[in-house]
Amino acid sequence: MDGPSPNQSDSDFAEMMRRSDEEIDLGAAALMIARQEYSTLNIDRYALRLKRMGNAVKSRLEDSSEPRKMVQTINHVLFQDEGLRANQKDYSDPRNSFLNDVLDRKKGIPITLSIVYMEVARHAGFPIMGVGFPGHFLVKYQGPDQQLIIDPFSKGMVLTKEEVAQRLHLSSGGEVAFREHYLAAATKKQIISRVLANLKAIYLSTSDYPKAVGVINMLLDISPWALDEVRDRGKVYFQMKAYPKALADLETYLEFNREAGDASDIRQNVKYLKTLVSKSE
């Protein structure tokens, strides 16, 4: 066996994830995730909306490239003109993870609002990077002598390191200490993976197993050797009573991860699945 089994997901998405990170179109990739829910989604239409917002930022700047002015202008366009806002009440609504819904409904969660922020900034010619901060995605501008940490979930509020550290202290109940690397720039693949991980958790919590499989397939398009995802897909297939597929995934997980902490439990699952598959033959 050469590795984890191939999966059937959006071929355009799979092709994009084979590119280098610099070549990935973040907005298009995020919209491809939404195509799992909306099969006829017009990606170009929404990409154009992001570009128009970026152009609106540029038209307001009057050739100014001062970073704080750029941030203020992006904030004005997104949160005043466009009316984007945080979805505080229905945080686990899957629509918060679909970029088309975020743009149409004008609300989202930290990571999708951050993707909108990054894409609009890109079209405006302003370099903004994603920050995979623990528990709350942020963005930042990193200049030669200035760093701006920005929270799109809080209408583009600019935060100091001390404020970010305090947030982490409060959200973790004091159990997680701030580390400088928490503010490192996230790659595009890491950003897309985080969106998918959110969706996966939502679908598993609601027992929507077919959609969970679709999301796991996309995660495997990003990281084909993510054996934990192969294992999780096998478990989901088991819940769907797709026993041959469940068996194949769990056997693959064991073959390439023999010393895993849960290997003993998975071996028991494999043994049980073999009896189920043999009975169905």
C-alpha atoms as a PDB file:
ATOM      1  CA  MET A   1       0.000   0.000   0.000  1.00  0.00           C
ATOM      2  CA  ASP A   2       1.454   3.383  -1.042  1.00  0.00           C
ATOM      3  CA  GLY A   3      -0.281   5.554   1.540  1.00  0.00           C
ATOM      4  CA  PRO A   4      -3.635   6.851   2.658  1.00  0.00           C
ATOM      5  CA  SER A   5      -6.398   6.045   0.235  1.00  0.00           C
ATOM      6  CA  PRO A   6      -7.448   8.638  -2.346  1.00  0.00           C
ATOM      7  CA  ASN A   7     -10.618  10.576  -1.711  1.00  0.00           C
ATOM      8  CA  GLN A   8     -13.333  12.082  -3.839  1.00  0.00           C
ATOM      9  CA  SER A   9     -13.676  15.805  -3.271  1.00  0.00           C
ATOM     10  CA  ASP A  10     -13.742  18.981  -5.325  1.00  0.00           C
ATOM     11  CA  SER A  11     -11.162  18.418  -8.061  1.00  0.00           C
ATOM     12  CA  ASP A  12     -10.518  22.168  -8.409  1.00  0.00           C
ATOM     13  CA  PHE A  13      -9.836  22.376  -4.687  1.00  0.00           C
ATOM     14  CA  ALA A  14      -7.534  19.360  -4.813  1.00  0.00           C
ATOM     15  CA  GLU A  15      -5.610  20.910  -7.704  1.00  0.00           C
ATOM     16  CA  MET A  16      -5.240  24.224  -5.877  1.00  0.00           C
ATOM     17  CA  MET A  17      -3.950  22.496  -2.748  1.00  0.00           C
ATOM     18  CA  ARG A  18      -1.171  20.915  -4.823  1.00  0.00           C
ATOM     19  CA  ARG A  19       0.180  24.376  -5.594  1.00  0.00           C
ATOM     20  CA  SER A  20       2.787  26.189  -3.566  1.00  0.00           C
ATOM     21  CA  ASP A  21       1.342  28.350  -0.823  1.00  0.00           C
ATOM     22  CA  GLU A  22       2.210  31.531  -2.725  1.00  0.00           C
ATOM     23  CA  GLU A  23       0.183  30.357  -5.713  1.00  0.00           C
ATOM     24  CA  ILE A  24      -2.977  29.587  -3.756  1.00  0.00           C
ATOM     25  CA  ASP A  25      -5.878  32.000  -4.151  1.00  0.00           C
ATOM     26  CA  LEU A  26      -7.133  32.199  -0.565  1.00  0.00           C
ATOM     27  CA  GLY A  27     -10.518  33.661  -1.422  1.00  0.00           C
ATOM     28  CA  ALA A  28     -11.205  31.123  -4.148  1.00  0.00           C
ATOM     29  CA  ALA A  29     -10.118  28.240  -1.913  1.00  0.00           C
ATOM     30  CA  ALA A  30     -12.456  29.412   0.849  1.00  0.00           C
ATOM     31  CA  LEU A  31     -15.301  29.657  -1.652  1.00  0.00           C
ATOM     32  CA  MET A  32     -14.554  26.126  -2.837  1.00  0.00           C
ATOM     33  CA  ILE A  33     -15.266  24.966   0.695  1.00  0.00           C
ATOM     34  CA  ALA A  34     -18.690  26.564   0.378  1.00  0.00           C
ATOM     35  CA  ARG A  35     -19.243  24.600  -2.814  1.00  0.00           C
ATOM     36  CA  GLN A  36     -19.551  21.505  -0.634  1.00  0.00           C
ATOM     37  CA  GLU A  37     -22.828  23.039   0.541  1.00  0.00           C
ATOM     38  CA  TYR A  38     -23.759  25.021  -2.576  1.00  0.00           C
ATOM     39  CA  SER A  39     -22.792  22.887  -5.558  1.00  0.00           C
ATOM     40  CA  THR A  40     -23.634  25.550  -8.160  1.00  0.00           C
ATOM     41  CA  LEU A  41     -21.916  28.398  -6.328  1.00  0.00           C
ATOM     42  CA  ASN A  42     -20.523  31.035  -8.675  1.00  0.00           C
ATOM     43  CA  ILE A  43     -17.067  31.554  -7.233  1.00  0.00           C
ATOM     44  CA  ASP A  44     -16.135  34.294  -9.691  1.00  0.00           C
ATOM     45  CA  ARG A  45     -19.132  36.363  -8.597  1.00  0.00           C
ATOM     46  CA  TYR A  46     -18.030  36.433  -4.971  1.00  0.00           C
ATOM     47  CA  ALA A  47     -14.367  36.889  -5.864  1.00  0.00           C
ATOM     48  CA  LEU A  48     -15.429  39.978  -7.809  1.00  0.00           C
ATOM     49  CA  ARG A  49     -17.243  41.324  -4.753  1.00  0.00           C
ATOM     50  CA  LEU A  50     -14.036  41.027  -2.734  1.00  0.00           C
ATOM     51  CA  LYS A  51     -12.112  42.800  -5.479  1.00  0.00           C
ATOM     52  CA  ARG A  52     -14.666  45.623  -5.606  1.00  0.00           C
ATOM     53  CA  MET A  53     -14.342  46.129  -1.864  1.00  0.00           C
ATOM     54  CA  GLY A  54     -10.584  46.295  -2.285  1.00  0.00           C
ATOM     55  CA  ASN A  55     -11.016  48.882  -5.015  1.00  0.00           C
ATOM     56  CA  ALA A  56     -13.311  50.871  -2.713  1.00  0.00           C
ATOM     57  CA  VAL A  57     -10.532  50.943  -0.138  1.00  0.00           C
ATOM     58  CA  LYS A  58      -8.035  52.155  -2.729  1.00  0.00           C
ATOM     59  CA  SER A  59     -10.357  54.899  -3.939  1.00  0.00           C
ATOM     60  CA  ARG A  60     -10.702  56.275  -0.394  1.00  0.00           C
ATOM     61  CA  LEU A  61      -6.975  56.296   0.353  1.00  0.00           C
ATOM     62  CA  GLU A  62      -5.932  59.029  -2.052  1.00  0.00           C
ATOM     63  CA  ASP A  63      -2.490  57.454  -2.522  1.00  0.00           C
ATOM     64  CA  SER A  64      -1.835  57.169   1.217  1.00  0.00           C
ATOM     65  CA  SER A  65      -0.040  53.977   2.210  1.00  0.00           C
ATOM     66  CA  GLU A  66       0.400  54.747   5.923  1.00  0.00           C
ATOM     67  CA  PRO A  67      -0.449  51.458   7.669  1.00  0.00           C
ATOM     68  CA  ARG A  68      -2.846  52.802  10.301  1.00  0.00           C
ATOM     69  CA  LYS A  69      -4.661  54.825   7.653  1.00  0.00           C
ATOM     70  CA  MET A  70      -4.950  51.684   5.539  1.00  0.00           C
ATOM     71  CA  VAL A  71      -6.414  49.746   8.466  1.00  0.00           C
ATOM     72  CA  GLN A  72      -8.882  52.554   9.252  1.00  0.00           C
ATOM     73  CA  THR A  73     -10.004  52.630   5.634  1.00  0.00           C
ATOM     74  CA  ILE A  74     -10.427  48.879   5.362  1.00  0.00           C
ATOM     75  CA  ASN A  75     -12.405  48.952   8.609  1.00  0.00           C
ATOM     76  CA  HIS A  76     -14.640  51.701   7.270  1.00  0.00           C
ATOM     77  CA  VAL A  77     -15.388  49.853   4.038  1.00  0.00           C
ATOM     78  CA  LEU A  78     -15.974  46.465   5.659  1.00  0.00           C
ATOM     79  CA  PHE A  79     -17.729  47.330   8.883  1.00  0.00           C
ATOM     80  CA  GLN A  80     -19.514  50.569   8.033  1.00  0.00           C
ATOM     81  CA  ASP A  81     -20.138  50.562   4.287  1.00  0.00           C
ATOM     82  CA  GLU A  82     -20.615  46.802   3.955  1.00  0.00           C
ATOM     83  CA  GLY A  83     -22.005  46.247   7.451  1.00  0.00           C
ATOM     84  CA  LEU A  84     -19.996  43.110   8.228  1.00  0.00           C
ATOM     85  CA  ARG A  85     -20.207  42.025  11.849  1.00  0.00           C
ATOM     86  CA  ALA A  86     -19.428  39.234  14.272  1.00  0.00           C
ATOM     87  CA  ASN A  87     -21.970  36.437  14.647  1.00  0.00           C
ATOM     88  CA  GLN A  88     -21.906  36.220  18.416  1.00  0.00           C
ATOM     89  CA  LYS A  89     -25.192  34.347  18.915  1.00  0.00           C
ATOM     90  CA  ASP A  90     -24.902  31.477  16.415  1.00  0.00           C
ATOM     91  CA  TYR A  91     -21.171  30.832  16.461  1.00  0.00           C
ATOM     92  CA  SER A  92     -21.572  27.166  15.466  1.00  0.00           C
ATOM     93  CA  ASP A  93     -23.828  27.842  12.483  1.00  0.00           C
ATOM     94  CA  PRO A  94     -21.984  26.244   9.532  1.00  0.00           C
ATOM     95  CA  ARG A  95     -22.910  29.228   7.371  1.00  0.00           C
ATOM     96  CA  ASN A  96     -20.322  31.217   9.344  1.00  0.00           C
ATOM     97  CA  SER A  97     -17.680  29.090   7.629  1.00  0.00           C
ATOM     98  CA  PHE A  98     -18.964  29.625   4.068  1.00  0.00           C
ATOM     99  CA  LEU A  99     -17.518  32.777   2.551  1.00  0.00           C
ATOM    100  CA  ASN A 100     -20.514  33.394   0.282  1.00  0.00           C
ATOM    101  CA  ASP A 101     -22.831  33.297   3.306  1.00  0.00           C
ATOM    102  CA  VAL A 102     -20.532  35.605   5.244  1.00  0.00           C
ATOM    103  CA  LEU A 103     -20.720  38.142   2.407  1.00  0.00           C
ATOM    104  CA  ASP A 104     -24.470  37.717   1.857  1.00  0.00           C
ATOM    105  CA  ARG A 105     -25.556  37.565   5.500  1.00  0.00           C
ATOM    106  CA  LYS A 106     -22.951  40.151   6.577  1.00  0.00           C
ATOM    107  CA  LYS A 107     -21.750  38.128   9.549  1.00  0.00           C
ATOM    108  CA  GLY A 108     -19.175  35.493  10.346  1.00  0.00           C
ATOM    109  CA  ILE A 109     -16.674  34.089  12.805  1.00  0.00           C
ATOM    110  CA  PRO A 110     -13.081  35.278  13.365  1.00  0.00           C
ATOM    111  CA  ILE A 111     -11.453  33.188  10.654  1.00  0.00           C
ATOM    112  CA  THR A 112     -13.917  33.902   7.844  1.00  0.00           C
ATOM    113  CA  LEU A 113     -14.074  37.611   8.654  1.00  0.00           C
ATOM    114  CA  SER A 114     -10.264  37.503   8.641  1.00  0.00           C
ATOM    115  CA  ILE A 115     -10.235  35.896   5.196  1.00  0.00           C
ATOM    116  CA  VAL A 116     -12.481  38.679   3.894  1.00  0.00           C
ATOM    117  CA  TYR A 117     -10.179  41.223   5.540  1.00  0.00           C
ATOM    118  CA  MET A 118      -7.069  39.666   4.010  1.00  0.00           C
ATOM    119  CA  GLU A 119      -8.558  39.443   0.534  1.00  0.00           C
ATOM    120  CA  VAL A 120      -9.868  43.007   0.545  1.00  0.00           C
ATOM    121  CA  ALA A 121      -6.490  44.226   1.821  1.00  0.00           C
ATOM    122  CA  ARG A 122      -4.734  42.248  -0.918  1.00  0.00           C
ATOM    123  CA  HIS A 123      -6.856  43.868  -3.618  1.00  0.00           C
ATOM    124  CA  ALA A 124      -6.128  47.253  -2.041  1.00  0.00           C
ATOM    125  CA  GLY A 125      -2.376  46.553  -2.231  1.00  0.00           C
ATOM    126  CA  PHE A 126      -1.884  46.266   1.536  1.00  0.00           C
ATOM    127  CA  PRO A 127       0.013  43.220   2.869  1.00  0.00           C
ATOM    128  CA  ILE A 128      -2.055  41.595   5.626  1.00  0.00           C
ATOM    129  CA  MET A 129      -1.251  38.130   7.000  1.00  0.00           C
ATOM    130  CA  GLY A 130      -3.377  35.671   8.930  1.00  0.00           C
ATOM    131  CA  VAL A 131      -2.460  34.768  12.504  1.00  0.00           C
ATOM    132  CA  GLY A 132      -3.582  31.405  13.840  1.00  0.00           C
ATOM    133  CA  PHE A 133      -3.809  32.657  17.401  1.00  0.00           C
ATOM    134  CA  PRO A 134      -5.096  30.045  19.871  1.00  0.00           C
ATOM    135  CA  GLY A 135      -8.874  30.080  20.002  1.00  0.00           C
ATOM    136  CA  HIS A 136      -9.342  33.283  18.002  1.00  0.00           C
ATOM    137  CA  PHE A 137      -8.010  33.953  14.516  1.00  0.00           C
ATOM    138  CA  LEU A 138      -6.442  37.380  13.930  1.00  0.00           C
ATOM    139  CA  VAL A 139      -4.621  39.218  11.143  1.00  0.00           C
ATOM    140  CA  LYS A 140      -1.582  41.456  11.214  1.00  0.00           C
ATOM    141  CA  TYR A 141       0.410  43.947   9.249  1.00  0.00           C
ATOM    142  CA  GLN A 142       4.154  43.446   9.562  1.00  0.00           C
ATOM    143  CA  GLY A 143       6.254  46.340   8.355  1.00  0.00           C
ATOM    144  CA  PRO A 144       9.982  46.998   8.692  1.00  0.00           C
ATOM    145  CA  ASP A 145       9.502  48.959  11.929  1.00  0.00           C
ATOM    146  CA  GLN A 146       5.853  48.473  12.835  1.00  0.00           C
ATOM    147  CA  GLN A 147       3.478  45.631  13.608  1.00  0.00           C
ATOM    148  CA  LEU A 148      -0.302  46.025  13.797  1.00  0.00           C
ATOM    149  CA  ILE A 149      -2.350  43.178  15.265  1.00  0.00           C
ATOM    150  CA  ILE A 150      -5.938  43.411  14.032  1.00  0.00           C
ATOM    151  CA  ASP A 151      -9.121  41.632  15.103  1.00  0.00           C
ATOM    152  CA  PRO A 152     -11.695  41.557  12.282  1.00  0.00           C
ATOM    153  CA  PHE A 153     -14.183  39.921  14.681  1.00  0.00           C
ATOM    154  CA  SER A 154     -14.062  43.164  16.699  1.00  0.00           C
ATOM    155  CA  LYS A 155     -14.574  45.443  13.681  1.00  0.00           C
ATOM    156  CA  GLY A 156     -10.876  45.677  12.918  1.00  0.00           C
ATOM    157  CA  MET A 157      -9.728  46.717  16.388  1.00  0.00           C
ATOM    158  CA  VAL A 158      -5.966  47.162  16.604  1.00  0.00           C
ATOM    159  CA  LEU A 159      -4.547  45.313  19.604  1.00  0.00           C
ATOM    160  CA  THR A 160      -1.290  45.530  21.483  1.00  0.00           C
ATOM    161  CA  LYS A 161       0.642  42.394  22.415  1.00  0.00           C
ATOM    162  CA  GLU A 162      -0.356  42.991  26.015  1.00  0.00           C
ATOM    163  CA  GLU A 163      -4.033  43.072  25.079  1.00  0.00           C
ATOM    164  CA  VAL A 164      -3.697  39.882  23.041  1.00  0.00           C
ATOM    165  CA  ALA A 165      -1.912  38.180  25.937  1.00  0.00           C
ATOM    166  CA  GLN A 166      -4.647  39.287  28.336  1.00  0.00           C
ATOM    167  CA  ARG A 167      -7.325  37.897  26.027  1.00  0.00           C
ATOM    168  CA  LEU A 168      -5.572  34.548  25.948  1.00  0.00           C
ATOM    169  CA  HIS A 169      -5.215  34.554  29.726  1.00  0.00           C
ATOM    170  CA  LEU A 170      -8.942  35.169  30.171  1.00  0.00           C
ATOM    171  CA  SER A 171     -10.147  32.764  27.494  1.00  0.00           C
ATOM    172  CA  SER A 172      -7.960  29.928  28.801  1.00  0.00           C
ATOM    173  CA  GLY A 173      -8.735  30.547  32.446  1.00  0.00           C
ATOM    174  CA  GLY A 174      -5.098  31.398  32.982  1.00  0.00           C
ATOM    175  CA  GLU A 175      -3.934  27.976  31.807  1.00  0.00           C
ATOM    176  CA  VAL A 176      -2.234  29.109  28.587  1.00  0.00           C
ATOM    177  CA  ALA A 177       0.621  31.608  28.720  1.00  0.00           C
ATOM    178  CA  PHE A 178       1.282  33.931  25.802  1.00  0.00           C
ATOM    179  CA  ARG A 179       4.140  32.947  23.506  1.00  0.00           C
ATOM    180  CA  GLU A 180       5.594  35.158  20.791  1.00  0.00           C
ATOM    181  CA  HIS A 181       5.196  32.467  18.147  1.00  0.00           C
ATOM    182  CA  TYR A 182       1.417  32.578  18.623  1.00  0.00           C
ATOM    183  CA  LEU A 183       1.570  35.699  16.448  1.00  0.00           C
ATOM    184  CA  ALA A 184       3.449  34.000  13.600  1.00  0.00           C
ATOM    185  CA  ALA A 185       1.955  34.329  10.144  1.00  0.00           C
ATOM    186  CA  ALA A 186      -0.227  31.404   9.091  1.00  0.00           C
ATOM    187  CA  THR A 187       0.142  29.859   5.660  1.00  0.00           C
ATOM    188  CA  LYS A 188      -2.853  29.793   3.341  1.00  0.00           C
ATOM    189  CA  LYS A 189      -3.082  26.031   3.719  1.00  0.00           C
ATOM    190  CA  GLN A 190      -3.129  26.409   7.490  1.00  0.00           C
ATOM    191  CA  ILE A 191      -5.923  28.965   7.219  1.00  0.00           C
ATOM    192  CA  ILE A 192      -8.036  26.755   4.964  1.00  0.00           C
ATOM    193  CA  SER A 193      -7.353  23.762   7.218  1.00  0.00           C
ATOM    194  CA  ARG A 194      -8.627  25.726  10.208  1.00  0.00           C
ATOM    195  CA  VAL A 195     -11.867  26.599   8.405  1.00  0.00           C
ATOM    196  CA  LEU A 196     -12.325  22.940   7.543  1.00  0.00           C
ATOM    197  CA  ALA A 197     -11.519  21.825  11.085  1.00  0.00           C
ATOM    198  CA  ASN A 198     -14.265  24.127  12.372  1.00  0.00           C
ATOM    199  CA  LEU A 199     -16.742  22.645   9.914  1.00  0.00           C
ATOM    200  CA  LYS A 200     -15.688  19.115  10.734  1.00  0.00           C
ATOM    201  CA  ALA A 201     -16.329  19.716  14.431  1.00  0.00           C
ATOM    202  CA  ILE A 202     -19.755  21.194  13.673  1.00  0.00           C
ATOM    203  CA  TYR A 203     -20.824  18.300  11.456  1.00  0.00           C
ATOM    204  CA  LEU A 204     -19.604  15.677  13.903  1.00  0.00           C
ATOM    205  CA  SER A 205     -21.420  17.405  16.762  1.00  0.00           C
ATOM    206  CA  THR A 206     -24.667  17.265  14.776  1.00  0.00           C
ATOM    207  CA  SER A 207     -24.032  13.724  13.437  1.00  0.00           C
ATOM    208  CA  ASP A 208     -24.109  14.988   9.856  1.00  0.00           C
ATOM    209  CA  TYR A 209     -21.729  12.257   8.750  1.00  0.00           C
ATOM    210  CA  PRO A 210     -21.887  12.634   4.946  1.00  0.00           C
ATOM    211  CA  LYS A 211     -20.887  16.298   5.232  1.00  0.00           C
ATOM    212  CA  ALA A 212     -18.201  15.415   7.759  1.00  0.00           C
ATOM    213  CA  VAL A 213     -16.703  12.964   5.257  1.00  0.00           C
ATOM    214  CA  GLY A 214     -16.696  15.661   2.579  1.00  0.00           C
ATOM    215  CA  VAL A 215     -14.793  18.020   4.855  1.00  0.00           C
ATOM    216  CA  ILE A 216     -12.305  15.340   5.904  1.00  0.00           C
ATOM    217  CA  ASN A 217     -11.691  14.578   2.228  1.00  0.00           C
ATOM    218  CA  MET A 218     -10.777  18.226   1.701  1.00  0.00           C
ATOM    219  CA  LEU A 219      -8.441  18.139   4.697  1.00  0.00           C
ATOM    220  CA  LEU A 220      -6.759  15.142   3.089  1.00  0.00           C
ATOM    221  CA  ASP A 221      -6.418  17.099  -0.145  1.00  0.00           C
ATOM    222  CA  ILE A 222      -4.301  19.536   1.858  1.00  0.00           C
ATOM    223  CA  SER A 223      -2.373  16.910   3.830  1.00  0.00           C
ATOM    224  CA  PRO A 224      -2.687  13.444   2.273  1.00  0.00           C
ATOM    225  CA  TRP A 225      -0.581  11.954   5.071  1.00  0.00           C
ATOM    226  CA  ALA A 226      -2.733  13.344   7.878  1.00  0.00           C
ATOM    227  CA  LEU A 227      -3.321   9.912   9.383  1.00  0.00           C
ATOM    228  CA  ASP A 228      -5.552  11.246  12.137  1.00  0.00           C
ATOM    229  CA  GLU A 229      -7.932  12.414   9.408  1.00  0.00           C
ATOM    230  CA  VAL A 230      -7.814   8.976   7.773  1.00  0.00           C
ATOM    231  CA  ARG A 231      -8.672   7.457  11.143  1.00  0.00           C
ATOM    232  CA  ASP A 232     -11.486   9.938  11.757  1.00  0.00           C
ATOM    233  CA  ARG A 233     -12.930   9.290   8.307  1.00  0.00           C
ATOM    234  CA  GLY A 234     -12.887   5.576   9.091  1.00  0.00           C
ATOM    235  CA  LYS A 235     -14.823   6.239  12.286  1.00  0.00           C
ATOM    236  CA  VAL A 236     -17.354   8.344  10.411  1.00  0.00           C
ATOM    237  CA  TYR A 237     -17.764   5.651   7.765  1.00  0.00           C
ATOM    238  CA  PHE A 238     -18.460   3.222  10.593  1.00  0.00           C
ATOM    239  CA  GLN A 239     -21.256   5.476  11.845  1.00  0.00           C
ATOM    240  CA  MET A 240     -22.620   5.543   8.286  1.00  0.00           C
ATOM    241  CA  LYS A 241     -22.486   1.724   8.191  1.00  0.00           C
ATOM    242  CA  ALA A 242     -20.075   1.951   5.265  1.00  0.00           C
ATOM    243  CA  TYR A 243     -18.080  -0.877   6.779  1.00  0.00           C
ATOM    244  CA  PRO A 244     -15.672  -1.739   3.923  1.00  0.00           C
ATOM    245  CA  LYS A 245     -14.610   1.912   3.670  1.00  0.00           C
ATOM    246  CA  ALA A 246     -14.288   2.164   7.445  1.00  0.00           C
ATOM    247  CA  LEU A 247     -12.141  -0.953   7.500  1.00  0.00           C
ATOM    248  CA  ALA A 248      -9.873   0.318   4.717  1.00  0.00           C
ATOM    249  CA  ASP A 249      -9.248   3.622   6.485  1.00  0.00           C
ATOM    250  CA  LEU A 250      -8.609   2.139   9.905  1.00  0.00           C
ATOM    251  CA  GLU A 251      -6.262  -0.502   8.481  1.00  0.00           C
ATOM    252  CA  THR A 252      -4.377   2.256   6.670  1.00  0.00           C
ATOM    253  CA  TYR A 253      -4.119   4.229   9.892  1.00  0.00           C
ATOM    254  CA  LEU A 254      -2.622   1.241  11.701  1.00  0.00           C
ATOM    255  CA  GLU A 255      -0.275   0.299   8.876  1.00  0.00           C
ATOM    256  CA  PHE A 256       1.413   3.703   8.913  1.00  0.00           C
ATOM    257  CA  ASN A 257       0.957   4.538  12.590  1.00  0.00           C
ATOM    258  CA  ARG A 258       1.570   1.315  14.478  1.00  0.00           C
ATOM    259  CA  GLU A 259       2.727   3.023  17.668  1.00  0.00           C
ATOM    260  CA  ALA A 260      -0.203   5.429  17.945  1.00  0.00           C
ATOM    261  CA  GLY A 261      -1.598   5.905  21.415  1.00  0.00           C
ATOM    262  CA  ASP A 262      -4.981   4.631  20.283  1.00  0.00           C
ATOM    263  CA  ALA A 263      -3.595   1.744  18.211  1.00  0.00           C
ATOM    264  CA  SER A 264      -4.961  -0.900  20.580  1.00  0.00           C
ATOM    265  CA  ASP A 265      -8.496   0.495  20.377  1.00  0.00           C
ATOM    266  CA  ILE A 266      -8.301   0.815  16.603  1.00  0.00           C
ATOM    267  CA  ARG A 267      -7.124  -2.799  16.303  1.00  0.00           C
ATOM    268  CA  GLN A 268     -10.234  -3.867  18.191  1.00  0.00           C
ATOM    269  CA  ASN A 269     -12.348  -1.789  15.822  1.00  0.00           C
ATOM    270  CA  VAL A 270     -10.638  -3.372  12.823  1.00  0.00           C
ATOM    271  CA  LYS A 271     -11.259  -6.853  14.202  1.00  0.00           C
ATOM    272  CA  TYR A 272     -14.946  -6.069  14.679  1.00  0.00           C
ATOM    273  CA  LEU A 273     -15.231  -4.489  11.232  1.00  0.00           C
ATOM    274  CA  LYS A 274     -13.732  -7.560   9.596  1.00  0.00           C
ATOM    275  CA  THR A 275     -16.515  -9.679  11.062  1.00  0.00           C
ATOM    276  CA  LEU A 276     -19.115  -7.216   9.819  1.00  0.00           C
ATOM    277  CA  VAL A 277     -17.634  -7.106   6.332  1.00  0.00           C
ATOM    278  CA  SER A 278     -17.360 -10.884   6.102  1.00  0.00           C
ATOM    279  CA  LYS A 279     -21.018 -11.266   7.107  1.00  0.00           C
ATOM    280  CA  SER A 280     -22.101  -8.887   4.376  1.00  0.00           C
ATOM    281  CA  GLU A 281     -20.196 -10.684   1.629  1.00  0.00           C
END
